[in-house]
Amino acid sequence: MSPLMSGLAMLVALFALLAVGTPIAFALGLVAMGALFAVYGAFFLETVGEQFFGYFASFSLVSVPMFILMGAAVASSPAGRDLYEALDRWLNRVPGGLVLSNLGACSIFAALSGSSPATCAAIGKMGIPEMRKRGYPSEIAAGSIAAGGTLGILIPPSVTMIVYGIATETSIGRLFLAGLLPGLMLTIYFMIWTIIACKRRSLGLSELTERFTMKQRFAALPRVLPFLAIIVGVLYVLYGGVATPSEAAGVGALFCLILVAVVYGIFSKSWKFRQMPVILRDTLKESVMIMLIIGASELFAFALSSLFITQSIAGAIAAMEVNRWVLMGVVNVFLLVAGFFLPPVGVILMTAPILLPIITGAGFDPYWFAVILTINMEIGLITPPVGLNLYVINGIAPDISLGAILRGSLPYVICMVLGIVTLCLFPQIALFLPDLVMGPSL
């Protein structure tokens, strides 16, 4: 069987296992082991353990559970509520200000937690009922939260970017910087669309009559600013050469735990110390899940390489001799379709090592491509059939149908596509900060 046919057979087997509900880590591992056994027999068993566990020796992987712990600590506290209330007081005079407050809270909480589902749950539990109470249609209330939650995998510190960096052996620091301005750009696009939609439908007019004094606005900030300081601090020690990504993640997680305990446990009494075991349990569960996917994807990549499937795919694409932007269009469609069915971490670990040589060979920057890939994964989070954020929103607001949530999310999908087009026209939006802070990449 030719390498390309072997690759197709592996892909069919993988999707068949995923279709019957097999966890992605086990599906990747089973397909890889089956392919290796079919070609090399029992001999390959000697290398399975080495390939699976050898990848975990990377010190960079320490940053994954640390950033997850940082997000779990923040998610366990009322920080999302405080972000929401603070922004509502500052933006209430803008048409659709309540929706804008939710989007702003989503972008900041997403940066703190690095998790799209956690962001949707934390902000949505407060924001959706409040928006509906003030007359916003259910689809706008739910769709804006579902879309805002996707920003968690782009705005640093992002676990998804860490996984991309590990999978492609690129600088995690540069990836964080590359995602910052595009993340802010998408937030602005979301807000512009929200203002336009609310003006067209005359929504949020009751908010314009509600006034907050400057004293009331500033009174909402003390609980929010310490967490923003942690984000700034983590980025500073990372790019100031003070610490590695793993060390910065560890310090950020420690300070988040301390701040949650002090701000919400001691002063406001809204957080209990008995929640600590739950935080550690959730961190352990999510970290182990990601580590299993990483190990299985490494074994899957080893199988693809051993069977010359990766090399054959790269050669076939290179032989197409098409314009590099046509190639990029094909890659974007492929990533978009993959994101419809698989979680972002799975797509990145499965495709990035294969696509990166093709992309760089066509003259594209690997850090710019990381942002393009991540935005495609964001689209997958709010589009069926998987659309994880859609189900999270439906879980916290079960009286809003999935169809209504999807209708509210679709305009934000268009904003993301516009973001990809903007980055294709102006790649320096993603590359300016990395080049400025860390110098041009080689």
Protein backbone atom coordinates (compact mmCIF):
# COMPACT_ATOMS: atom_id res chain seq x y z
CA MET A 1 0.00 0.00 0.00
CA SER A 2 1.35 3.45 -0.93
CA PRO A 3 2.09 5.96 1.85
CA LEU A 4 -0.80 8.20 0.78
CA MET A 5 -3.24 5.27 0.84
CA SER A 6 -1.88 4.25 4.25
CA GLY A 7 -2.47 7.79 5.47
CA LEU A 8 -6.03 7.75 4.12
CA ALA A 9 -6.68 4.41 5.85
CA MET A 10 -5.37 5.81 9.14
CA LEU A 11 -7.55 8.91 8.78
CA VAL A 12 -10.68 6.82 8.09
CA ALA A 13 -9.91 4.61 11.09
CA LEU A 14 -9.34 7.65 13.30
CA PHE A 15 -12.63 9.30 12.38
CA ALA A 16 -14.45 5.97 12.77
CA LEU A 17 -13.16 5.65 16.33
CA LEU A 18 -14.03 9.28 17.11
CA ALA A 19 -17.51 8.80 15.64
CA VAL A 20 -18.28 6.01 18.11
CA GLY A 21 -17.20 8.16 21.04
CA THR A 22 -13.61 7.03 21.62
CA PRO A 23 -11.61 9.69 23.50
CA ILE A 24 -9.23 11.43 21.13
CA ALA A 25 -6.08 10.30 22.99
CA PHE A 26 -7.08 6.64 22.79
CA ALA A 27 -8.20 6.99 19.17
CA LEU A 28 -4.85 8.47 18.16
CA GLY A 29 -2.90 5.83 20.09
CA LEU A 30 -4.91 2.88 18.77
CA VAL A 31 -4.67 3.97 15.14
CA ALA A 32 -0.93 4.61 15.44
CA MET A 33 -0.25 1.26 17.11
CA GLY A 34 -2.46 -0.57 14.62
CA ALA A 35 -0.64 1.00 11.65
CA LEU A 36 2.80 0.25 13.09
CA PHE A 37 1.83 -3.33 13.92
CA ALA A 38 0.44 -3.90 10.41
CA VAL A 39 3.71 -2.81 8.82
CA TYR A 40 6.42 -3.80 11.31
CA GLY A 41 4.75 -6.50 13.39
CA ALA A 42 5.42 -6.92 17.12
CA PHE A 43 8.88 -5.39 16.74
CA PHE A 44 7.45 -1.88 16.98
CA LEU A 45 6.36 -2.51 20.60
CA GLU A 46 9.92 -1.82 21.71
CA THR A 47 9.61 1.79 20.60
CA VAL A 48 6.05 2.58 21.75
CA GLY A 49 6.94 3.36 25.36
CA GLU A 50 9.95 5.41 24.36
CA GLN A 51 7.96 7.50 21.90
CA PHE A 52 4.96 7.96 24.18
CA PHE A 53 6.77 8.84 27.41
CA GLY A 54 9.95 10.32 25.95
CA TYR A 55 8.07 13.42 24.82
CA PHE A 56 7.12 14.21 28.42
CA ALA A 57 10.75 14.92 29.25
CA SER A 58 10.36 18.41 27.75
CA PHE A 59 10.60 21.06 30.46
CA SER A 60 8.19 23.24 28.49
CA LEU A 61 5.34 20.87 29.36
CA VAL A 62 5.51 22.04 32.98
CA SER A 63 3.84 25.29 31.89
CA VAL A 64 0.67 23.44 30.80
CA PRO A 65 -0.59 22.33 34.25
CA MET A 66 0.62 25.60 35.80
CA PHE A 67 -1.45 27.77 33.45
CA ILE A 68 -4.40 25.40 33.88
CA LEU A 69 -4.05 25.78 37.68
CA MET A 70 -3.96 29.55 37.22
CA GLY A 71 -7.20 29.43 35.26
CA ALA A 72 -8.89 26.99 37.64
CA ALA A 73 -8.12 29.26 40.60
CA VAL A 74 -9.64 32.28 38.87
CA ALA A 75 -12.64 30.29 37.62
CA SER A 76 -13.43 29.14 41.18
CA SER A 77 -13.76 32.73 42.40
CA PRO A 78 -16.29 35.51 41.66
CA ALA A 79 -13.67 37.24 39.48
CA GLY A 80 -15.88 36.85 36.40
CA ARG A 81 -18.76 38.58 38.16
CA ASP A 82 -16.52 41.44 39.27
CA LEU A 83 -15.10 41.89 35.76
CA TYR A 84 -18.60 41.97 34.36
CA GLU A 85 -19.87 44.51 36.92
CA ALA A 86 -16.82 46.77 36.56
CA LEU A 87 -17.06 46.94 32.77
CA ASP A 88 -20.83 47.45 32.90
CA ARG A 89 -20.32 50.58 34.98
CA TRP A 90 -17.79 51.99 32.50
CA LEU A 91 -19.63 51.07 29.27
CA ASN A 92 -23.26 51.62 30.22
CA ARG A 93 -23.47 54.88 28.21
CA VAL A 94 -22.58 53.14 24.92
CA PRO A 95 -25.39 51.62 22.78
CA GLY A 96 -25.41 47.90 23.53
CA GLY A 97 -23.07 48.60 26.43
CA LEU A 98 -24.19 45.54 28.37
CA VAL A 99 -23.21 43.22 25.51
CA LEU A 100 -19.92 45.10 25.15
CA SER A 101 -19.34 44.62 28.88
CA ASN A 102 -19.82 40.90 28.47
CA LEU A 103 -17.43 40.76 25.52
CA GLY A 104 -14.82 42.76 27.41
CA ALA A 105 -15.24 40.57 30.48
CA CYS A 106 -14.89 37.48 28.26
CA SER A 107 -11.64 38.73 26.73
CA ILE A 108 -10.07 39.54 30.11
CA PHE A 109 -11.35 36.40 31.85
CA ALA A 110 -10.22 34.35 28.86
CA ALA A 111 -6.70 35.70 29.28
CA LEU A 112 -6.81 34.83 32.98
CA SER A 113 -8.25 31.33 32.59
CA GLY A 114 -7.01 30.33 29.12
CA SER A 115 -10.17 28.24 28.79
CA SER A 116 -13.08 28.94 26.45
CA PRO A 117 -15.63 26.74 28.27
CA ALA A 118 -14.67 28.24 31.65
CA THR A 119 -15.07 31.75 30.24
CA CYS A 120 -18.50 30.95 28.77
CA ALA A 121 -19.67 29.44 32.03
CA ALA A 122 -18.28 32.15 34.32
CA ILE A 123 -19.48 35.17 32.34
CA GLY A 124 -22.59 33.55 30.87
CA LYS A 125 -24.13 32.64 34.24
CA MET A 126 -24.39 36.35 35.07
CA GLY A 127 -24.41 38.04 31.69
CA ILE A 128 -27.11 36.08 29.85
CA PRO A 129 -29.89 36.53 32.47
CA GLU A 130 -29.03 40.22 32.85
CA MET A 131 -29.06 40.87 29.10
CA ARG A 132 -32.38 39.10 28.66
CA LYS A 133 -33.84 41.02 31.61
CA ARG A 134 -32.93 44.28 29.87
CA GLY A 135 -34.62 43.31 26.62
CA TYR A 136 -31.84 41.78 24.53
CA PRO A 137 -32.96 38.86 22.34
CA SER A 138 -31.84 35.43 23.52
CA GLU A 139 -29.70 34.83 20.43
CA ILE A 140 -27.67 38.02 20.96
CA ALA A 141 -27.26 37.34 24.68
CA ALA A 142 -26.13 33.74 24.15
CA GLY A 143 -24.21 34.23 20.90
CA SER A 144 -22.06 37.07 22.23
CA ILE A 145 -20.96 35.00 25.24
CA ALA A 146 -20.27 31.91 23.11
CA ALA A 147 -18.13 33.98 20.73
CA GLY A 148 -16.41 35.97 23.48
CA GLY A 149 -15.40 32.75 25.18
CA THR A 150 -13.38 31.67 22.15
CA LEU A 151 -10.89 34.48 22.79
CA GLY A 152 -9.39 32.35 25.57
CA ILE A 153 -7.34 30.25 23.16
CA LEU A 154 -5.78 33.27 21.42
CA ILE A 155 -5.14 36.01 23.98
CA PRO A 156 -2.05 35.12 26.07
CA PRO A 157 -1.31 33.29 28.24
CA SER A 158 -2.91 30.60 26.10
CA VAL A 159 -2.62 26.84 26.68
CA THR A 160 -3.38 26.30 22.99
CA MET A 161 -0.38 28.41 21.99
CA ILE A 162 1.78 26.45 24.43
CA VAL A 163 0.68 23.19 22.81
CA TYR A 164 1.43 24.61 19.35
CA GLY A 165 4.89 25.69 20.51
CA ILE A 166 5.64 22.25 21.92
CA ALA A 167 4.32 20.45 18.83
CA THR A 168 6.28 22.60 16.38
CA GLU A 169 9.32 23.41 18.58
CA THR A 170 8.73 27.15 18.23
CA SER A 171 9.18 29.83 20.88
CA ILE A 172 6.24 30.00 23.29
CA GLY A 173 7.18 33.58 24.19
CA ARG A 174 6.96 34.67 20.55
CA LEU A 175 3.65 32.83 20.17
CA PHE A 176 2.16 34.67 23.13
CA LEU A 177 3.22 38.01 21.66
CA ALA A 178 1.94 37.03 18.20
CA GLY A 179 -1.53 36.33 19.63
CA LEU A 180 -1.89 39.54 21.63
CA LEU A 181 -2.72 42.13 18.94
CA PRO A 182 -4.87 39.73 16.85
CA GLY A 183 -6.80 38.87 20.04
CA LEU A 184 -7.43 42.55 20.69
CA MET A 185 -8.34 43.03 17.02
CA LEU A 186 -10.96 40.28 17.19
CA THR A 187 -12.36 41.77 20.40
CA ILE A 188 -12.72 45.13 18.64
CA TYR A 189 -14.37 43.47 15.61
CA PHE A 190 -16.83 41.75 17.94
CA MET A 191 -17.62 45.04 19.66
CA ILE A 192 -18.07 46.94 16.39
CA TRP A 193 -20.54 44.35 15.14
CA THR A 194 -22.37 44.47 18.49
CA ILE A 195 -22.76 48.25 18.36
CA ILE A 196 -24.04 48.07 14.77
CA ALA A 197 -26.50 45.26 15.57
CA CYS A 198 -27.80 46.98 18.71
CA LYS A 199 -28.25 50.33 16.94
CA ARG A 200 -30.13 48.70 14.07
CA ARG A 201 -32.53 46.99 16.48
CA SER A 202 -32.67 49.87 19.00
CA LEU A 203 -31.40 47.63 21.80
CA GLY A 204 -29.94 48.74 25.10
CA LEU A 205 -31.74 52.09 25.22
CA SER A 206 -32.74 51.56 28.86
CA GLU A 207 -29.08 51.40 29.82
CA LEU A 208 -28.48 54.91 28.53
CA THR A 209 -30.66 56.32 31.31
CA GLU A 210 -28.72 54.50 34.03
CA ARG A 211 -25.90 56.59 35.42
CA PHE A 212 -22.93 55.69 37.57
CA THR A 213 -20.76 58.25 39.33
CA MET A 214 -17.01 58.15 38.88
CA LYS A 215 -16.78 57.04 42.50
CA GLN A 216 -19.00 54.03 41.76
CA ARG A 217 -16.99 53.20 38.65
CA PHE A 218 -13.65 53.30 40.42
CA ALA A 219 -15.07 51.37 43.39
CA ALA A 220 -15.51 48.33 41.13
CA LEU A 221 -11.85 48.22 40.07
CA PRO A 222 -9.88 47.09 43.18
CA ARG A 223 -11.04 43.48 42.87
CA VAL A 224 -10.21 43.38 39.15
CA LEU A 225 -6.88 45.17 38.92
CA PRO A 226 -4.83 42.59 40.89
CA PHE A 227 -5.72 39.88 38.38
CA LEU A 228 -4.88 42.15 35.47
CA ALA A 229 -1.58 42.85 37.22
CA ILE A 230 -0.88 39.12 37.23
CA ILE A 231 -1.34 38.94 33.45
CA VAL A 232 0.97 41.92 32.96
CA GLY A 233 3.44 40.47 35.46
CA VAL A 234 3.54 37.06 33.77
CA LEU A 235 4.11 38.67 30.37
CA TYR A 236 6.77 40.99 31.81
CA VAL A 237 8.88 38.27 33.44
CA LEU A 238 8.49 36.16 30.30
CA TYR A 239 9.61 38.81 27.83
CA GLY A 240 11.96 40.64 30.16
CA GLY A 241 14.22 37.62 30.28
CA VAL A 242 13.50 37.11 33.98
CA ALA A 243 11.94 33.65 33.69
CA THR A 244 11.17 30.84 31.27
CA PRO A 245 7.55 30.11 30.27
CA SER A 246 7.38 27.27 32.79
CA GLU A 247 8.72 29.44 35.61
CA ALA A 248 6.40 32.32 34.68
CA ALA A 249 3.44 29.91 34.66
CA GLY A 250 4.36 28.60 38.10
CA VAL A 251 4.65 32.08 39.59
CA GLY A 252 1.39 33.17 37.93
CA ALA A 253 -0.46 30.14 39.32
CA LEU A 254 0.90 30.77 42.83
CA PHE A 255 -0.09 34.44 42.79
CA CYS A 256 -3.56 33.62 41.44
CA LEU A 257 -4.12 31.19 44.29
CA ILE A 258 -2.91 33.75 46.83
CA LEU A 259 -5.03 36.56 45.37
CA VAL A 260 -8.16 34.41 45.24
CA ALA A 261 -7.62 33.38 48.86
CA VAL A 262 -6.93 36.93 50.04
CA VAL A 263 -9.36 38.99 47.92
CA TYR A 264 -12.30 36.58 47.93
CA GLY A 265 -11.51 34.31 50.88
CA ILE A 266 -10.43 36.76 53.57
CA PHE A 267 -11.93 40.11 52.57
CA SER A 268 -15.23 39.33 50.86
CA LYS A 269 -15.86 35.85 52.33
CA SER A 270 -17.22 34.74 48.94
CA TRP A 271 -14.60 32.01 48.43
CA LYS A 272 -14.04 29.07 50.77
CA PHE A 273 -10.72 27.36 51.38
CA ARG A 274 -12.45 24.00 51.02
CA GLN A 275 -12.62 24.77 47.29
CA MET A 276 -8.87 24.20 47.02
CA PRO A 277 -9.16 20.39 46.58
CA VAL A 278 -11.70 20.99 43.80
CA ILE A 279 -9.28 23.39 42.06
CA LEU A 280 -6.45 20.87 42.28
CA ARG A 281 -8.74 18.04 41.11
CA ASP A 282 -9.95 19.98 38.07
CA THR A 283 -6.38 21.01 37.24
CA LEU A 284 -5.21 17.41 37.47
CA LYS A 285 -8.03 16.10 35.29
CA GLU A 286 -7.53 18.66 32.52
CA SER A 287 -3.73 18.40 32.65
CA VAL A 288 -3.78 14.61 32.41
CA MET A 289 -6.23 14.82 29.50
CA ILE A 290 -3.98 17.20 27.59
CA MET A 291 -0.84 15.20 28.43
CA LEU A 292 -2.47 11.99 27.19
CA ILE A 293 -3.42 13.72 23.93
CA ILE A 294 0.14 15.07 23.59
CA GLY A 295 1.69 11.64 24.16
CA ALA A 296 -0.74 9.89 21.81
CA SER A 297 -0.30 12.55 19.13
CA GLU A 298 3.48 12.11 19.34
CA LEU A 299 3.00 8.39 18.78
CA PHE A 300 0.62 9.17 15.91
CA ALA A 301 3.16 11.56 14.37
CA PHE A 302 5.88 8.91 14.79
CA ALA A 303 3.69 6.41 12.91
CA LEU A 304 3.03 8.91 10.11
CA SER A 305 6.74 9.62 9.78
CA SER A 306 7.80 5.95 10.00
CA LEU A 307 5.39 5.03 7.22
CA PHE A 308 6.59 8.02 5.12
CA ILE A 309 3.06 9.44 5.13
CA THR A 310 4.09 12.91 6.31
CA GLN A 311 6.83 13.17 3.71
CA SER A 312 4.52 11.95 0.94
CA ILE A 313 1.78 14.45 1.84
CA ALA A 314 4.29 17.30 1.90
CA GLY A 315 5.71 16.19 -1.43
CA ALA A 316 2.28 15.90 -3.02
CA ILE A 317 1.28 19.38 -1.91
CA ALA A 318 4.61 20.84 -3.03
CA ALA A 319 4.15 19.17 -6.43
CA MET A 320 0.84 20.97 -6.93
CA GLU A 321 2.76 24.12 -7.92
CA VAL A 322 -0.11 26.41 -7.04
CA ASN A 323 0.03 30.01 -5.87
CA ARG A 324 0.97 30.14 -2.20
CA TRP A 325 -2.24 31.98 -1.32
CA VAL A 326 -4.28 29.25 -3.00
CA LEU A 327 -2.32 26.81 -0.84
CA MET A 328 -3.12 28.88 2.24
CA GLY A 329 -6.80 28.90 1.26
CA VAL A 330 -6.80 25.10 1.00
CA VAL A 331 -5.08 24.82 4.39
CA ASN A 332 -7.63 27.18 5.98
CA VAL A 333 -10.55 25.15 4.64
CA PHE A 334 -8.92 21.97 5.93
CA LEU A 335 -8.37 23.49 9.40
CA LEU A 336 -11.90 24.86 9.47
CA VAL A 337 -13.41 21.45 8.68
CA ALA A 338 -11.12 19.73 11.21
CA GLY A 339 -12.18 22.26 13.84
CA PHE A 340 -15.83 21.35 13.24
CA PHE A 341 -15.18 17.84 14.55
CA LEU A 342 -12.14 17.94 16.85
CA PRO A 343 -11.04 20.04 19.85
CA PRO A 344 -8.33 22.68 19.26
CA VAL A 345 -5.59 20.79 21.11
CA GLY A 346 -6.26 17.67 19.08
CA VAL A 347 -6.23 19.50 15.74
CA ILE A 348 -3.01 21.33 16.56
CA LEU A 349 -1.15 18.22 17.71
CA MET A 350 -2.32 16.20 14.71
CA THR A 351 -1.84 18.76 11.95
CA ALA A 352 0.74 21.38 12.96
CA PRO A 353 3.84 19.15 12.60
CA ILE A 354 2.66 18.13 9.11
CA LEU A 355 1.54 21.55 7.92
CA LEU A 356 4.40 23.63 9.31
CA PRO A 357 7.07 22.49 6.79
CA ILE A 358 4.60 23.09 3.97
CA ILE A 359 3.70 26.55 5.24
CA THR A 360 7.28 27.66 5.85
CA GLY A 361 8.31 26.19 2.50
CA ALA A 362 5.71 28.45 0.85
CA GLY A 363 7.28 31.47 2.55
CA PHE A 364 4.83 32.02 5.41
CA ASP A 365 5.93 32.86 8.94
CA PRO A 366 5.30 30.01 11.45
CA TYR A 367 4.18 32.43 14.19
CA TRP A 368 1.76 34.19 11.87
CA PHE A 369 0.42 30.78 10.86
CA ALA A 370 -0.08 29.89 14.54
CA VAL A 371 -2.49 32.81 14.85
CA ILE A 372 -4.34 31.84 11.65
CA LEU A 373 -4.65 28.26 12.88
CA THR A 374 -5.90 29.38 16.30
CA ILE A 375 -8.62 31.61 14.82
CA ASN A 376 -9.80 28.65 12.74
CA MET A 377 -10.01 26.67 15.97
CA GLU A 378 -12.02 29.50 17.53
CA ILE A 379 -14.55 29.19 14.72
CA GLY A 380 -14.82 25.47 15.42
CA LEU A 381 -15.75 26.19 19.04
CA ILE A 382 -18.99 27.92 18.01
CA THR A 383 -20.01 25.88 14.98
CA PRO A 384 -21.66 22.44 14.88
CA PRO A 385 -21.43 19.49 15.12
CA VAL A 386 -19.00 19.74 18.06
CA GLY A 387 -19.13 23.48 18.89
CA LEU A 388 -18.17 23.04 22.53
CA ASN A 389 -19.10 26.61 23.52
CA LEU A 390 -22.60 26.18 22.09
CA TYR A 391 -23.24 23.27 24.43
CA VAL A 392 -21.74 25.08 27.42
CA ILE A 393 -24.12 28.01 26.83
CA ASN A 394 -27.04 25.63 26.33
CA GLY A 395 -26.11 23.97 29.62
CA ILE A 396 -26.24 27.20 31.63
CA ALA A 397 -29.31 28.55 29.75
CA PRO A 398 -31.26 25.42 28.75
CA ASP A 399 -34.34 27.40 27.72
CA ILE A 400 -32.34 28.91 24.82
CA SER A 401 -32.25 26.44 21.92
CA LEU A 402 -29.01 25.47 20.20
CA GLY A 403 -30.42 26.98 17.01
CA ALA A 404 -30.85 30.37 18.69
CA ILE A 405 -27.34 30.23 20.16
CA LEU A 406 -25.94 29.34 16.74
CA ARG A 407 -27.82 32.20 15.04
CA GLY A 408 -26.40 34.63 17.57
CA SER A 409 -22.89 33.26 17.06
CA LEU A 410 -22.79 33.31 13.25
CA PRO A 411 -22.12 37.07 12.89
CA TYR A 412 -19.07 36.61 15.11
CA VAL A 413 -17.90 33.76 12.86
CA ILE A 414 -17.94 36.30 10.02
CA CYS A 415 -15.88 38.64 12.23
CA MET A 416 -13.32 35.86 12.69
CA VAL A 417 -13.16 35.20 8.95
CA LEU A 418 -12.65 38.94 8.48
CA GLY A 419 -9.87 38.70 11.07
CA ILE A 420 -8.13 35.97 9.04
CA VAL A 421 -8.43 38.07 5.88
CA THR A 422 -7.05 41.10 7.73
CA LEU A 423 -4.06 39.09 8.96
CA CYS A 424 -3.41 37.81 5.44
CA LEU A 425 -3.38 41.39 4.15
CA PHE A 426 -1.44 42.78 7.11
CA PRO A 427 0.66 39.99 8.67
CA GLN A 428 2.54 42.53 10.78
CA ILE A 429 -0.47 42.71 13.10
CA ALA A 430 0.71 39.34 14.40
CA LEU A 431 4.45 39.81 13.85
CA PHE A 432 5.02 43.39 15.01
CA LEU A 433 5.22 42.70 18.76
CA PRO A 434 7.36 39.53 18.51
CA ASP A 435 9.82 41.29 16.20
CA LEU A 436 9.87 44.41 18.38
CA VAL A 437 10.41 42.63 21.69
CA MET A 438 12.42 39.56 20.67
CA GLY A 439 13.91 40.57 17.33
CA PRO A 440 13.10 39.13 13.88
CA SER A 441 12.70 35.34 13.78
CA LEU A 442 15.22 33.39 11.78
